[in-house]
Amino acid sequence: MKKLGSFTKFAIIATALFAVYICFVSSGSVLRWIRANMEIRRQEKLIDTYQREIAEMGTEVELLSSDKDSLEKFAREKFHFAAPGEDVYIVE
């Protein structure tokens, strides 16, 4: 096996240290990039969830604004409203 010269050893060590610095220490490091990517994915999932909820609420608002009976049923179930003279029992 051939012995490496001192400059070659220095070049290998310097390159390795530079790679470690770039990957883990610098402002554009791989670790920060991975964390940012994970945060973006988490935020995109939240956006999808909220868009789905908004669509469901839009459908519900449309239904409630067009039909008086569904509005009354919704108010009774959600807010425990009652007609005059009617008793309401809440069971949880």
N, C-alpha and C. Protein backbone atom coordinates (compact mmCIF):
# COMPACT_ATOMS: atom_id res chain seq x y z
N MET A 1 0.83 -1.17 0.00
CA MET A 1 0.00 0.00 0.00
C MET A 1 0.88 1.24 0.00
N LYS A 2 0.52 2.20 -0.80
CA LYS A 2 1.34 3.41 -0.97
C LYS A 2 1.06 4.41 0.15
N LYS A 3 2.10 5.02 0.69
CA LYS A 3 1.95 6.03 1.74
C LYS A 3 1.51 7.35 1.11
N LEU A 4 0.63 8.03 1.80
CA LEU A 4 0.18 9.33 1.33
C LEU A 4 1.17 10.40 1.77
N GLY A 5 1.36 11.39 0.95
CA GLY A 5 2.24 12.49 1.29
C GLY A 5 1.58 13.42 2.29
N SER A 6 2.36 14.28 2.91
CA SER A 6 1.82 15.16 3.94
C SER A 6 0.82 16.15 3.35
N PHE A 7 1.06 16.61 2.11
CA PHE A 7 0.10 17.54 1.51
C PHE A 7 -1.22 16.84 1.22
N THR A 8 -1.17 15.61 0.78
CA THR A 8 -2.38 14.85 0.48
C THR A 8 -3.20 14.63 1.75
N LYS A 9 -2.52 14.29 2.84
CA LYS A 9 -3.22 14.13 4.12
C LYS A 9 -3.87 15.44 4.53
N PHE A 10 -3.12 16.53 4.39
CA PHE A 10 -3.65 17.84 4.74
C PHE A 10 -4.88 18.17 3.89
N ALA A 11 -4.80 17.89 2.60
CA ALA A 11 -5.90 18.19 1.67
C ALA A 11 -7.14 17.38 2.04
N ILE A 12 -6.97 16.12 2.38
CA ILE A 12 -8.10 15.26 2.76
C ILE A 12 -8.74 15.77 4.05
N ILE A 13 -7.93 16.09 5.03
CA ILE A 13 -8.45 16.58 6.32
C ILE A 13 -9.13 17.93 6.13
N ALA A 14 -8.52 18.82 5.36
CA ALA A 14 -9.11 20.13 5.13
C ALA A 14 -10.44 20.01 4.39
N THR A 15 -10.49 19.13 3.41
CA THR A 15 -11.74 18.92 2.67
C THR A 15 -12.82 18.36 3.59
N ALA A 16 -12.46 17.41 4.44
CA ALA A 16 -13.42 16.82 5.37
C ALA A 16 -13.93 17.87 6.35
N LEU A 17 -13.02 18.69 6.89
CA LEU A 17 -13.44 19.74 7.82
C LEU A 17 -14.34 20.76 7.14
N PHE A 18 -14.00 21.12 5.89
CA PHE A 18 -14.83 22.05 5.14
C PHE A 18 -16.22 21.47 4.91
N ALA A 19 -16.30 20.19 4.56
CA ALA A 19 -17.59 19.53 4.33
C ALA A 19 -18.42 19.52 5.62
N VAL A 20 -17.79 19.20 6.74
CA VAL A 20 -18.50 19.20 8.03
C VAL A 20 -19.00 20.60 8.34
N TYR A 21 -18.16 21.62 8.10
CA TYR A 21 -18.57 23.00 8.35
C TYR A 21 -19.77 23.37 7.48
N ILE A 22 -19.73 23.06 6.22
CA ILE A 22 -20.82 23.40 5.30
C ILE A 22 -22.10 22.67 5.69
N CYS A 23 -21.98 21.40 6.06
CA CYS A 23 -23.17 20.60 6.35
C CYS A 23 -23.81 20.93 7.69
N PHE A 24 -23.02 21.28 8.69
CA PHE A 24 -23.58 21.37 10.04
C PHE A 24 -23.45 22.74 10.70
N VAL A 25 -22.55 23.58 10.29
CA VAL A 25 -22.27 24.80 11.03
C VAL A 25 -22.72 26.06 10.30
N SER A 26 -22.53 26.14 9.03
CA SER A 26 -22.78 27.38 8.28
C SER A 26 -24.25 27.76 8.30
N SER A 27 -24.52 29.01 7.90
CA SER A 27 -25.90 29.51 7.93
C SER A 27 -26.81 28.75 6.96
N GLY A 28 -26.27 28.21 5.91
CA GLY A 28 -27.06 27.44 4.96
C GLY A 28 -26.87 25.96 5.15
N SER A 29 -26.75 25.52 6.37
CA SER A 29 -26.39 24.13 6.64
C SER A 29 -27.52 23.16 6.26
N VAL A 30 -27.13 21.94 6.09
CA VAL A 30 -28.08 20.89 5.74
C VAL A 30 -29.09 20.70 6.85
N LEU A 31 -28.65 20.78 8.10
CA LEU A 31 -29.58 20.60 9.22
C LEU A 31 -30.65 21.68 9.22
N ARG A 32 -30.27 22.91 8.99
CA ARG A 32 -31.27 24.00 8.93
C ARG A 32 -32.20 23.81 7.75
N TRP A 33 -31.65 23.35 6.63
CA TRP A 33 -32.47 23.10 5.47
C TRP A 33 -33.50 22.02 5.76
N ILE A 34 -33.08 20.96 6.44
CA ILE A 34 -34.00 19.86 6.78
C ILE A 34 -35.09 20.36 7.73
N ARG A 35 -34.68 21.14 8.75
CA ARG A 35 -35.68 21.68 9.68
C ARG A 35 -36.68 22.58 8.97
N ALA A 36 -36.19 23.42 8.08
CA ALA A 36 -37.08 24.32 7.34
C ALA A 36 -38.03 23.53 6.45
N ASN A 37 -37.53 22.48 5.84
CA ASN A 37 -38.36 21.64 4.99
C ASN A 37 -39.44 20.95 5.81
N MET A 38 -39.10 20.47 6.99
CA MET A 38 -40.09 19.83 7.86
C MET A 38 -41.15 20.85 8.29
N GLU A 39 -40.74 22.06 8.60
CA GLU A 39 -41.68 23.11 9.00
C GLU A 39 -42.62 23.47 7.85
N ILE A 40 -42.08 23.53 6.65
CA ILE A 40 -42.92 23.81 5.47
C ILE A 40 -43.96 22.73 5.29
N ARG A 41 -43.57 21.48 5.43
CA ARG A 41 -44.53 20.37 5.29
C ARG A 41 -45.61 20.44 6.36
N ARG A 42 -45.21 20.78 7.60
CA ARG A 42 -46.18 20.90 8.68
C ARG A 42 -47.16 22.02 8.39
N GLN A 43 -46.66 23.14 7.90
CA GLN A 43 -47.52 24.27 7.59
C GLN A 43 -48.46 23.94 6.42
N GLU A 44 -47.97 23.20 5.43
CA GLU A 44 -48.83 22.81 4.31
C GLU A 44 -49.96 21.89 4.76
N LYS A 45 -49.66 20.99 5.70
CA LYS A 45 -50.71 20.12 6.24
C LYS A 45 -51.76 20.95 6.98
N LEU A 46 -51.31 21.95 7.75
CA LEU A 46 -52.25 22.83 8.44
C LEU A 46 -53.11 23.60 7.44
N ILE A 47 -52.50 24.07 6.37
CA ILE A 47 -53.26 24.79 5.34
C ILE A 47 -54.34 23.89 4.76
N ASP A 48 -53.98 22.65 4.43
CA ASP A 48 -54.95 21.70 3.88
C ASP A 48 -56.08 21.45 4.87
N THR A 49 -55.74 21.28 6.15
CA THR A 49 -56.75 21.04 7.17
C THR A 49 -57.70 22.23 7.27
N TYR A 50 -57.15 23.43 7.31
CA TYR A 50 -57.99 24.62 7.43
C TYR A 50 -58.83 24.85 6.18
N GLN A 51 -58.29 24.56 5.01
CA GLN A 51 -59.08 24.70 3.79
C GLN A 51 -60.25 23.73 3.78
N ARG A 52 -60.02 22.51 4.27
CA ARG A 52 -61.10 21.53 4.36
C ARG A 52 -62.18 22.01 5.33
N GLU A 53 -61.74 22.54 6.50
CA GLU A 53 -62.70 23.05 7.48
C GLU A 53 -63.49 24.23 6.92
N ILE A 54 -62.82 25.11 6.20
CA ILE A 54 -63.50 26.25 5.60
C ILE A 54 -64.56 25.79 4.60
N ALA A 55 -64.22 24.79 3.79
CA ALA A 55 -65.17 24.26 2.82
C ALA A 55 -66.38 23.65 3.52
N GLU A 56 -66.14 22.90 4.59
CA GLU A 56 -67.24 22.30 5.35
C GLU A 56 -68.12 23.37 5.97
N MET A 57 -67.50 24.40 6.54
CA MET A 57 -68.27 25.48 7.14
C MET A 57 -69.05 26.26 6.10
N GLY A 58 -68.46 26.45 4.92
CA GLY A 58 -69.17 27.13 3.84
C GLY A 58 -70.41 26.38 3.42
N THR A 59 -70.30 25.07 3.33
CA THR A 59 -71.45 24.24 3.00
C THR A 59 -72.51 24.34 4.09
N GLU A 60 -72.06 24.31 5.34
CA GLU A 60 -72.99 24.41 6.47
C GLU A 60 -73.69 25.78 6.49
N VAL A 61 -72.96 26.84 6.25
CA VAL A 61 -73.56 28.19 6.21
C VAL A 61 -74.58 28.29 5.10
N GLU A 62 -74.23 27.74 3.94
CA GLU A 62 -75.16 27.77 2.81
C GLU A 62 -76.45 27.01 3.14
N LEU A 63 -76.31 25.87 3.77
CA LEU A 63 -77.47 25.08 4.16
C LEU A 63 -78.32 25.81 5.20
N LEU A 64 -77.65 26.41 6.18
CA LEU A 64 -78.38 27.10 7.25
C LEU A 64 -79.06 28.37 6.75
N SER A 65 -78.46 29.04 5.80
CA SER A 65 -79.06 30.28 5.30
C SER A 65 -80.20 30.03 4.33
N SER A 66 -80.28 28.83 3.77
CA SER A 66 -81.32 28.55 2.79
C SER A 66 -82.52 27.82 3.38
N ASP A 67 -82.36 27.17 4.50
CA ASP A 67 -83.44 26.34 5.04
C ASP A 67 -83.69 26.69 6.51
N LYS A 68 -84.89 27.20 6.81
CA LYS A 68 -85.21 27.63 8.17
C LYS A 68 -85.25 26.44 9.14
N ASP A 69 -85.73 25.32 8.67
CA ASP A 69 -85.82 24.14 9.54
C ASP A 69 -84.43 23.64 9.94
N SER A 70 -83.51 23.64 9.01
CA SER A 70 -82.15 23.19 9.36
C SER A 70 -81.48 24.19 10.30
N LEU A 71 -81.79 25.48 10.15
CA LEU A 71 -81.25 26.49 11.05
C LEU A 71 -81.78 26.27 12.47
N GLU A 72 -83.05 25.99 12.57
CA GLU A 72 -83.65 25.74 13.90
C GLU A 72 -83.05 24.48 14.52
N LYS A 73 -82.91 23.43 13.75
CA LYS A 73 -82.34 22.19 14.26
C LYS A 73 -80.89 22.42 14.72
N PHE A 74 -80.13 23.16 13.92
CA PHE A 74 -78.74 23.46 14.27
C PHE A 74 -78.68 24.25 15.58
N ALA A 75 -79.52 25.27 15.72
CA ALA A 75 -79.52 26.09 16.93
C ALA A 75 -79.90 25.25 18.15
N ARG A 76 -80.86 24.38 17.99
CA ARG A 76 -81.28 23.53 19.12
C ARG A 76 -80.16 22.57 19.54
N GLU A 77 -79.50 21.96 18.57
CA GLU A 77 -78.46 20.99 18.90
C GLU A 77 -77.17 21.66 19.39
N LYS A 78 -76.78 22.72 18.73
CA LYS A 78 -75.49 23.34 19.02
C LYS A 78 -75.54 24.25 20.26
N PHE A 79 -76.60 25.03 20.37
CA PHE A 79 -76.67 26.03 21.42
C PHE A 79 -77.73 25.74 22.46
N HIS A 80 -78.38 24.59 22.36
CA HIS A 80 -79.39 24.15 23.32
C HIS A 80 -80.55 25.15 23.41
N PHE A 81 -80.96 25.68 22.25
CA PHE A 81 -82.10 26.58 22.22
C PHE A 81 -83.37 25.78 22.40
N ALA A 82 -84.39 26.46 22.88
CA ALA A 82 -85.68 25.80 23.08
C ALA A 82 -86.79 26.76 22.69
N ALA A 83 -87.88 26.20 22.28
CA ALA A 83 -89.07 26.99 21.99
C ALA A 83 -89.69 27.41 23.32
N PRO A 84 -90.46 28.49 23.35
CA PRO A 84 -91.10 28.90 24.60
C PRO A 84 -91.98 27.78 25.17
N GLY A 85 -91.82 27.53 26.46
CA GLY A 85 -92.59 26.48 27.13
C GLY A 85 -92.02 25.08 26.95
N GLU A 86 -90.88 24.97 26.33
CA GLU A 86 -90.27 23.67 26.07
C GLU A 86 -89.12 23.45 27.05
N ASP A 87 -89.01 22.25 27.59
CA ASP A 87 -87.91 21.92 28.49
C ASP A 87 -86.75 21.32 27.69
N VAL A 88 -85.54 21.68 28.11
CA VAL A 88 -84.34 21.16 27.44
C VAL A 88 -83.53 20.37 28.47
N TYR A 89 -83.21 19.15 28.12
CA TYR A 89 -82.38 18.30 28.97
C TYR A 89 -81.07 18.07 28.24
N ILE A 90 -79.98 18.39 28.91
CA ILE A 90 -78.66 18.22 28.31
C ILE A 90 -78.00 17.01 28.95
N VAL A 91 -77.68 16.02 28.14
CA VAL A 91 -77.03 14.82 28.62
C VAL A 91 -75.65 14.76 28.00
N GLU A 92 -74.62 14.71 28.84
CA GLU A 92 -73.26 14.65 28.32
C GLU A 92 -72.57 13.40 28.77
